[in-house]
């Protein structure tokens, strides 16, 4: 081997190693976003989201350390409508229980920012990032910062006149979290050390795109259900309120409000879209199985189908058991897992160097 050939080989090995490090880092970030979404779900389900009434990005990382500090935080909570109309008479110990959920959710957000920013600076300074990736990672970091601001915007909606947060803002917050998760996974797959060229399956891409978009829509609908506590009513399946199509779906005026503000209609659309998503997953699995796709693409499509079926079963259980914390969190986690699988499947249907 000549000196120039040896240099090229060494450079290739170094580039391969760097891509592996960056990919592992991005998947760590995605895992942390997944954890934050689940903790955020617990925060919502335990009605903990309004327990911290201020947004202090730096100082707020330190929880109350003395009884006096706990009492000060409790007194702030006692000033908002949720305490005055829902939790009047709550003990300090009960307040601590909900405070810790919201504090953990915010702490995870801070940790994600740290885990994105510090390695980003290190990889950039040491030349481990490819040029095309740099602006995308900066965009990811900025989008994460915007997500923190949107989280506070959501919380602020429940501090003055409402006893809970706006379902519109909650749905925006969750959907953006899922966009962040999906984009992180997409970037991780884009710096993969494998060559996806052999998997270029143009005929499979429309189904994969449709599946990904449908999952995002269903997550948004699920956020509306959570924001309205719509899962606490109509706890039967397959019928809803004794009917296949319940009456009163368009009771609010103007009609569009029903799809965002009526617990009945919001739950119904979440159910119906779940059926449509399952049909799409079945069709994608059927097409992948019978058409001459790569074996790995077939396996991914079938895995998405299995997870979608499991997710539907958990969703039904969540409804029938009136939203218990463990089953409801499993349902939320399942949605993010399904989203991640859909992103991986779609990305691997394209060549390694795409965008």
Protein backbone atom coordinates (compact mmCIF):
# COMPACT_ATOMS: atom_id res chain seq x y z
CA UNK A 1 0.00 0.00 0.00
CA UNK A 2 1.38 3.39 -1.01
CA UNK A 3 1.61 6.28 1.43
CA UNK A 4 -1.24 8.11 -0.31
CA UNK A 5 -3.45 5.00 -0.27
CA UNK A 6 -2.67 4.48 3.40
CA UNK A 7 -3.61 8.09 4.11
CA UNK A 8 -6.92 7.71 2.28
CA UNK A 9 -7.67 4.50 4.17
CA UNK A 10 -6.86 6.13 7.51
CA UNK A 11 -9.07 9.11 6.62
CA UNK A 12 -11.95 6.79 5.71
CA UNK A 13 -11.62 4.89 8.96
CA UNK A 14 -11.62 8.17 10.91
CA UNK A 15 -14.73 9.42 9.05
CA UNK A 16 -16.46 6.10 9.71
CA UNK A 17 -15.62 6.34 13.41
CA UNK A 18 -16.81 9.94 13.62
CA UNK A 19 -20.15 9.11 12.01
CA UNK A 20 -20.61 6.32 14.53
CA UNK A 21 -19.96 8.69 17.44
CA UNK A 22 -22.33 11.34 16.10
CA UNK A 23 -25.00 8.74 15.43
CA UNK A 24 -24.74 7.36 18.97
CA UNK A 25 -24.96 10.90 20.38
CA UNK A 26 -28.08 11.69 18.34
CA UNK A 27 -29.77 8.49 19.43
CA UNK A 28 -28.97 9.39 23.05
CA UNK A 29 -30.69 12.74 22.47
CA UNK A 30 -33.68 10.96 20.91
CA UNK A 31 -33.88 8.62 23.90
CA UNK A 32 -33.89 11.60 26.27
CA UNK A 33 -36.65 13.29 24.26
CA UNK A 34 -38.63 10.04 24.49
CA UNK A 35 -38.17 10.05 28.27
CA UNK A 36 -39.22 13.69 28.46
CA UNK A 37 -42.42 13.00 26.52
CA UNK A 38 -43.29 10.14 28.88
CA UNK A 39 -42.57 12.25 31.97
CA UNK A 40 -44.59 15.04 30.39
CA UNK A 41 -47.46 12.60 30.01
CA UNK A 42 -47.20 11.69 33.68
CA UNK A 43 -47.16 15.38 34.54
CA UNK A 44 -50.40 15.85 32.64
CA UNK A 45 -52.09 12.71 33.98
CA UNK A 46 -51.27 13.59 37.60
CA UNK A 47 -52.39 17.21 37.10
CA UNK A 48 -48.91 18.38 38.04
CA UNK A 49 -48.20 20.79 35.21
CA UNK A 50 -49.26 23.97 37.03
CA UNK A 51 -47.43 23.23 40.28
CA UNK A 52 -44.49 25.46 39.29
CA UNK A 53 -45.89 28.88 38.50
CA UNK A 54 -42.71 30.59 37.28
CA UNK A 55 -40.28 30.02 34.43
CA UNK A 56 -36.70 30.31 35.66
CA UNK A 57 -34.47 28.47 33.17
CA UNK A 58 -31.34 28.67 35.37
CA UNK A 59 -32.42 29.15 39.00
CA UNK A 60 -35.37 26.82 38.57
CA UNK A 61 -33.06 23.84 38.15
CA UNK A 62 -32.62 23.77 41.95
CA UNK A 63 -35.70 22.46 43.78
CA UNK A 64 -36.79 23.74 47.21
CA UNK A 65 -34.20 22.65 49.78
CA UNK A 66 -35.82 23.74 53.02
CA UNK A 67 -39.28 23.71 54.54
CA UNK A 68 -39.45 27.48 54.15
CA UNK A 69 -38.70 27.23 50.44
CA UNK A 70 -41.34 24.53 50.02
CA UNK A 71 -43.87 26.71 51.78
CA UNK A 72 -42.98 29.63 49.51
CA UNK A 73 -43.58 27.51 46.39
CA UNK A 74 -46.84 26.21 47.84
CA UNK A 75 -48.05 29.74 48.52
CA UNK A 76 -47.41 30.66 44.88
CA UNK A 77 -49.46 27.66 43.77
CA UNK A 78 -52.28 28.68 46.11
CA UNK A 79 -52.72 31.90 44.11
CA UNK A 80 -53.78 30.19 40.86
CA UNK A 81 -57.31 28.99 39.93
CA UNK A 82 -56.38 25.29 39.91
CA UNK A 83 -55.71 25.37 43.64
CA UNK A 84 -58.61 27.66 44.46
CA UNK A 85 -61.26 25.71 42.54
CA UNK A 86 -59.91 22.15 42.28
CA UNK A 87 -57.30 21.47 44.98
CA UNK A 88 -58.47 23.72 47.80
CA UNK A 89 -57.20 22.33 51.10
CA UNK A 90 -54.36 20.33 49.51
CA UNK A 91 -51.62 19.49 52.01
CA UNK A 92 -47.99 20.45 51.56
CA UNK A 93 -47.06 16.79 51.10
CA UNK A 94 -49.63 16.43 48.33
CA UNK A 95 -48.22 19.55 46.70
CA UNK A 96 -44.71 18.10 46.84
CA UNK A 97 -45.92 15.01 44.97
CA UNK A 98 -47.16 17.02 42.00
CA UNK A 99 -44.25 19.48 42.17
CA UNK A 100 -41.68 16.73 41.64
CA UNK A 101 -43.31 15.58 38.38
CA UNK A 102 -43.20 19.06 36.86
CA UNK A 103 -39.70 19.70 38.20
CA UNK A 104 -38.45 16.41 36.68
CA UNK A 105 -40.04 17.31 33.35
CA UNK A 106 -38.29 20.69 33.29
CA UNK A 107 -35.01 19.19 34.49
CA UNK A 108 -35.06 16.74 31.59
CA UNK A 109 -35.52 19.67 29.24
CA UNK A 110 -32.45 21.38 30.69
CA UNK A 111 -30.42 18.17 30.47
CA UNK A 112 -31.40 17.68 26.85
CA UNK A 113 -30.23 21.20 26.07
CA UNK A 114 -26.90 20.43 27.76
CA UNK A 115 -26.51 17.06 26.02
CA UNK A 116 -27.17 18.70 22.66
CA UNK A 117 -25.05 21.84 23.14
CA UNK A 118 -21.85 20.50 24.71
CA UNK A 119 -21.19 17.59 22.31
CA UNK A 120 -22.23 19.82 19.39
CA UNK A 121 -19.52 22.32 20.30
CA UNK A 122 -16.99 19.52 20.87
CA UNK A 123 -17.71 17.68 17.62
CA UNK A 124 -17.69 20.95 15.69
CA UNK A 125 -14.42 22.19 17.22
CA UNK A 126 -12.64 18.89 16.64
CA UNK A 127 -13.78 18.58 13.01
CA UNK A 128 -15.94 15.52 13.56
CA UNK A 129 -19.04 16.98 11.88
CA UNK A 130 -19.62 16.85 8.14
CA UNK A 131 -20.47 20.21 6.59
CA UNK A 132 -24.03 19.33 5.56
CA UNK A 133 -24.87 18.30 9.13
CA UNK A 134 -23.80 21.48 10.93
CA UNK A 135 -26.75 23.77 10.05
CA UNK A 136 -29.19 20.94 10.73
CA UNK A 137 -27.81 20.41 14.22
CA UNK A 138 -27.92 24.13 14.95
CA UNK A 139 -31.53 24.10 13.77
CA UNK A 140 -32.25 21.17 16.08
CA UNK A 141 -30.79 23.06 19.04
CA UNK A 142 -32.79 26.21 18.26
CA UNK A 143 -35.97 24.20 17.81
CA UNK A 144 -35.36 22.68 21.24
CA UNK A 145 -35.09 26.16 22.72
CA UNK A 146 -38.35 27.14 21.05
CA UNK A 147 -39.95 24.04 22.55
CA UNK A 148 -39.00 25.22 26.03
CA UNK A 149 -40.64 28.58 25.38
CA UNK A 150 -43.76 26.88 24.03
CA UNK A 151 -43.86 24.74 27.17
CA UNK A 152 -44.02 27.87 29.30
CA UNK A 153 -46.60 29.40 26.93
CA UNK A 154 -48.70 26.29 27.55
CA UNK A 155 -48.31 26.48 31.34
CA UNK A 156 -49.12 30.20 31.34
CA UNK A 157 -52.53 29.45 29.84
CA UNK A 158 -53.54 27.79 33.11
CA UNK A 159 -52.28 30.38 35.59
CA UNK A 160 -54.83 33.18 35.29
CA UNK A 161 -58.39 32.18 34.41
CA UNK A 162 -58.41 28.45 33.66
CA UNK A 163 -58.02 25.52 36.05
CA UNK A 164 -55.97 23.63 33.46
CA UNK A 165 -53.86 24.40 30.41
CA UNK A 166 -55.25 25.09 26.96
CA UNK A 167 -55.69 21.91 24.95
CA UNK A 168 -54.59 23.84 21.86
CA UNK A 169 -51.28 24.74 23.50
CA UNK A 170 -50.86 21.26 24.96
CA UNK A 171 -51.31 19.72 21.52
CA UNK A 172 -48.82 22.19 20.05
CA UNK A 173 -46.28 21.37 22.77
CA UNK A 174 -46.58 17.60 22.33
CA UNK A 175 -46.57 17.75 18.55
CA UNK A 176 -43.41 19.87 18.51
CA UNK A 177 -41.77 17.42 20.93
CA UNK A 178 -42.59 14.63 18.50
CA UNK A 179 -41.20 16.66 15.59
CA UNK A 180 -37.97 17.12 17.57
CA UNK A 181 -37.84 13.40 18.30
CA UNK A 182 -38.53 12.44 14.69
CA UNK A 183 -35.99 14.90 13.30
CA UNK A 184 -33.32 13.68 15.71
CA UNK A 185 -33.92 10.07 14.66
CA UNK A 186 -33.89 11.14 11.00
CA UNK A 187 -30.52 12.85 11.44
CA UNK A 188 -29.14 9.85 13.34
CA UNK A 189 -30.14 7.60 10.45
CA UNK A 190 -28.69 10.10 7.96
CA UNK A 191 -25.22 9.72 9.48
CA UNK A 192 -25.57 5.97 9.52
CA UNK A 193 -22.48 3.95 8.75
CA UNK A 194 -24.50 1.66 6.48
CA UNK A 195 -25.16 2.26 2.80
CA UNK A 196 -28.89 2.52 2.15
CA UNK A 197 -28.53 2.61 -1.63
CA UNK A 198 -29.47 -1.06 -1.94
CA UNK A 199 -32.74 -0.37 -0.19
CA UNK A 200 -33.85 2.42 -2.52
CA UNK A 201 -37.51 1.44 -2.73
CA UNK A 202 -39.38 4.22 -4.50
CA UNK A 203 -42.61 2.23 -4.59
CA UNK A 204 -42.57 1.83 -0.79
CA UNK A 205 -42.04 5.50 -0.01
CA UNK A 206 -45.62 6.76 -0.51
CA UNK A 207 -46.89 4.25 2.06
CA UNK A 208 -44.09 5.15 4.47
CA UNK A 209 -44.78 8.88 4.12
CA UNK A 210 -48.51 8.35 4.57
CA UNK A 211 -47.87 6.29 7.70
CA UNK A 212 -45.59 8.91 9.19
CA UNK A 213 -48.03 11.76 8.54
CA UNK A 214 -50.92 9.72 9.92
CA UNK A 215 -49.00 9.03 13.14
CA UNK A 216 -48.35 12.74 13.62
CA UNK A 217 -52.04 13.54 13.10
CA UNK A 218 -53.08 10.83 15.55
CA UNK A 219 -50.63 12.09 18.17
CA UNK A 220 -52.13 15.57 17.80
CA UNK A 221 -55.64 14.14 18.25
CA UNK A 222 -54.43 12.20 21.29
CA UNK A 223 -53.06 15.41 22.79
CA UNK A 224 -56.49 17.02 22.41
CA UNK A 225 -58.01 14.02 24.20
CA UNK A 226 -55.53 14.47 27.04
CA UNK A 227 -56.03 18.21 27.19
CA UNK A 228 -59.80 17.88 27.52
CA UNK A 229 -59.67 14.79 29.80
CA UNK A 230 -61.85 13.24 27.11
CA UNK A 231 -60.69 9.74 28.00
CA UNK A 232 -62.43 9.98 31.36
CA UNK A 233 -65.85 9.61 29.71
CA UNK A 234 -67.48 7.21 27.22
CA UNK A 235 -65.41 4.34 28.59
CA UNK A 236 -66.85 1.60 26.41
CA UNK A 237 -65.65 -0.10 23.24
CA UNK A 238 -66.42 -0.77 20.41
CA UNK A 239 -69.56 1.32 20.95
CA UNK A 240 -69.33 4.90 22.15
CA UNK A 241 -72.18 6.21 24.28
CA UNK A 242 -74.14 3.14 23.19
CA UNK A 243 -73.76 3.85 19.47
CA UNK A 244 -71.37 3.32 16.61
CA UNK A 245 -71.69 7.03 15.85
CA UNK A 246 -72.79 8.91 18.98
CA UNK A 247 -75.22 11.79 18.82
CA UNK A 248 -74.14 15.33 19.62
CA UNK A 249 -70.90 15.30 17.65
CA UNK A 250 -71.65 18.78 16.27
CA UNK A 251 -73.37 20.28 19.30
CA UNK A 252 -71.06 23.29 19.55
CA UNK A 253 -71.31 26.32 17.29
CA UNK A 254 -69.57 27.02 15.02
CA UNK A 255 -69.14 23.38 14.01
CA UNK A 256 -65.34 23.44 13.77
CA UNK A 257 -65.07 23.95 17.53
CA UNK A 258 -66.35 20.43 18.14
CA UNK A 259 -63.18 18.91 16.68
CA UNK A 260 -61.01 20.77 19.19
CA UNK A 261 -63.22 21.60 22.19
CA UNK A 262 -65.87 18.87 22.54
CA UNK A 263 -64.70 15.90 24.61
CA UNK A 264 -67.19 13.67 22.80
CA UNK A 265 -66.09 14.67 19.30
CA UNK A 266 -62.40 14.74 20.11
CA UNK A 267 -62.50 11.21 21.51
CA UNK A 268 -64.58 10.01 18.56
CA UNK A 269 -62.13 11.42 16.00
CA UNK A 270 -59.22 9.84 17.91
CA UNK A 271 -60.99 6.47 17.74
CA UNK A 272 -61.89 6.77 14.06
CA UNK A 273 -58.43 7.91 13.04
CA UNK A 274 -56.94 4.99 14.97
CA UNK A 275 -58.96 2.64 12.76
CA UNK A 276 -57.73 4.47 9.65
CA UNK A 277 -54.13 4.30 10.86
CA UNK A 278 -54.46 0.57 11.47
CA UNK A 279 -55.85 0.06 7.96
CA UNK A 280 -52.89 2.00 6.58
CA UNK A 281 -50.44 -0.09 8.62
CA UNK A 282 -52.14 -3.29 7.40
CA UNK A 283 -51.99 -2.10 3.81
CA UNK A 284 -48.34 -1.10 4.11
CA UNK A 285 -47.52 -4.49 5.62
CA UNK A 286 -49.49 -6.29 2.91
CA UNK A 287 -47.77 -4.39 0.11
CA UNK A 288 -44.33 -4.87 1.65
CA UNK A 289 -44.90 -8.60 2.04
CA UNK A 290 -46.10 -9.26 -1.49
CA UNK A 291 -43.99 -6.86 -3.51
CA UNK A 292 -40.28 -7.41 -4.23
CA UNK A 293 -38.95 -5.11 -1.53
CA UNK A 294 -35.69 -5.62 0.31
CA UNK A 295 -36.02 -8.12 3.17
CA UNK A 296 -35.12 -5.45 5.72
CA UNK A 297 -37.88 -3.16 4.41
CA UNK A 298 -40.39 -6.00 4.70
CA UNK A 299 -39.36 -6.64 8.30
CA UNK A 300 -39.69 -2.97 9.23
CA UNK A 301 -43.14 -2.66 7.65
CA UNK A 302 -44.34 -5.76 9.49
CA UNK A 303 -42.83 -4.53 12.77
CA UNK A 304 -44.70 -1.23 12.36
CA UNK A 305 -47.91 -3.21 11.86
CA UNK A 306 -47.32 -5.28 15.01
CA UNK A 307 -46.57 -2.18 17.10
CA UNK A 308 -49.62 -0.37 15.67
CA UNK A 309 -51.85 -3.31 16.65
CA UNK A 310 -50.34 -3.37 20.14
CA UNK A 311 -50.77 0.39 20.44
CA UNK A 312 -54.45 0.09 19.50
CA UNK A 313 -54.95 -2.62 22.13
CA UNK A 314 -53.30 -0.47 24.81
CA UNK A 315 -55.42 2.49 23.74
CA UNK A 316 -58.59 0.46 24.18
CA UNK A 317 -57.39 -0.71 27.61
CA UNK A 318 -56.63 2.90 28.57
CA UNK A 319 -60.21 3.81 27.74
CA UNK A 320 -61.91 0.81 29.36
CA UNK A 321 -59.98 1.20 32.62
CA UNK A 322 -60.58 4.99 32.69
CA UNK A 323 -57.04 6.19 32.05
CA UNK A 324 -54.94 4.56 34.79
CA UNK A 325 -51.48 6.11 34.97
CA UNK A 326 -49.47 3.02 34.01
CA UNK A 327 -51.57 2.01 31.01
CA UNK A 328 -51.97 5.59 29.80
CA UNK A 329 -48.21 6.17 29.92
CA UNK A 330 -47.65 2.91 28.06
CA UNK A 331 -50.03 4.22 25.40
CA UNK A 332 -48.14 7.50 25.11
CA UNK A 333 -44.78 5.74 25.00
CA UNK A 334 -46.14 3.38 22.34
CA UNK A 335 -47.05 6.33 20.15
CA UNK A 336 -43.48 7.64 20.27
CA UNK A 337 -42.03 4.20 19.59
CA UNK A 338 -44.34 3.82 16.59
CA UNK A 339 -43.28 7.26 15.37
CA UNK A 340 -39.61 6.36 15.69
CA UNK A 341 -40.07 3.12 13.75
CA UNK A 342 -41.91 4.97 10.99
CA UNK A 343 -39.10 7.53 10.71
CA UNK A 344 -36.41 4.83 10.56
CA UNK A 345 -38.37 2.87 7.96
CA UNK A 346 -38.88 5.91 5.75
CA UNK A 347 -35.28 7.14 6.04
CA UNK A 348 -33.85 3.77 5.10
CA UNK A 349 -35.90 3.74 1.91
CA UNK A 350 -33.69 6.56 0.63
CA UNK A 351 -29.99 6.60 -0.27
CA UNK A 352 -27.57 7.26 2.57
CA UNK A 353 -26.78 10.83 1.48
CA UNK A 354 -30.08 12.59 0.94
CA UNK A 355 -30.60 15.77 2.98
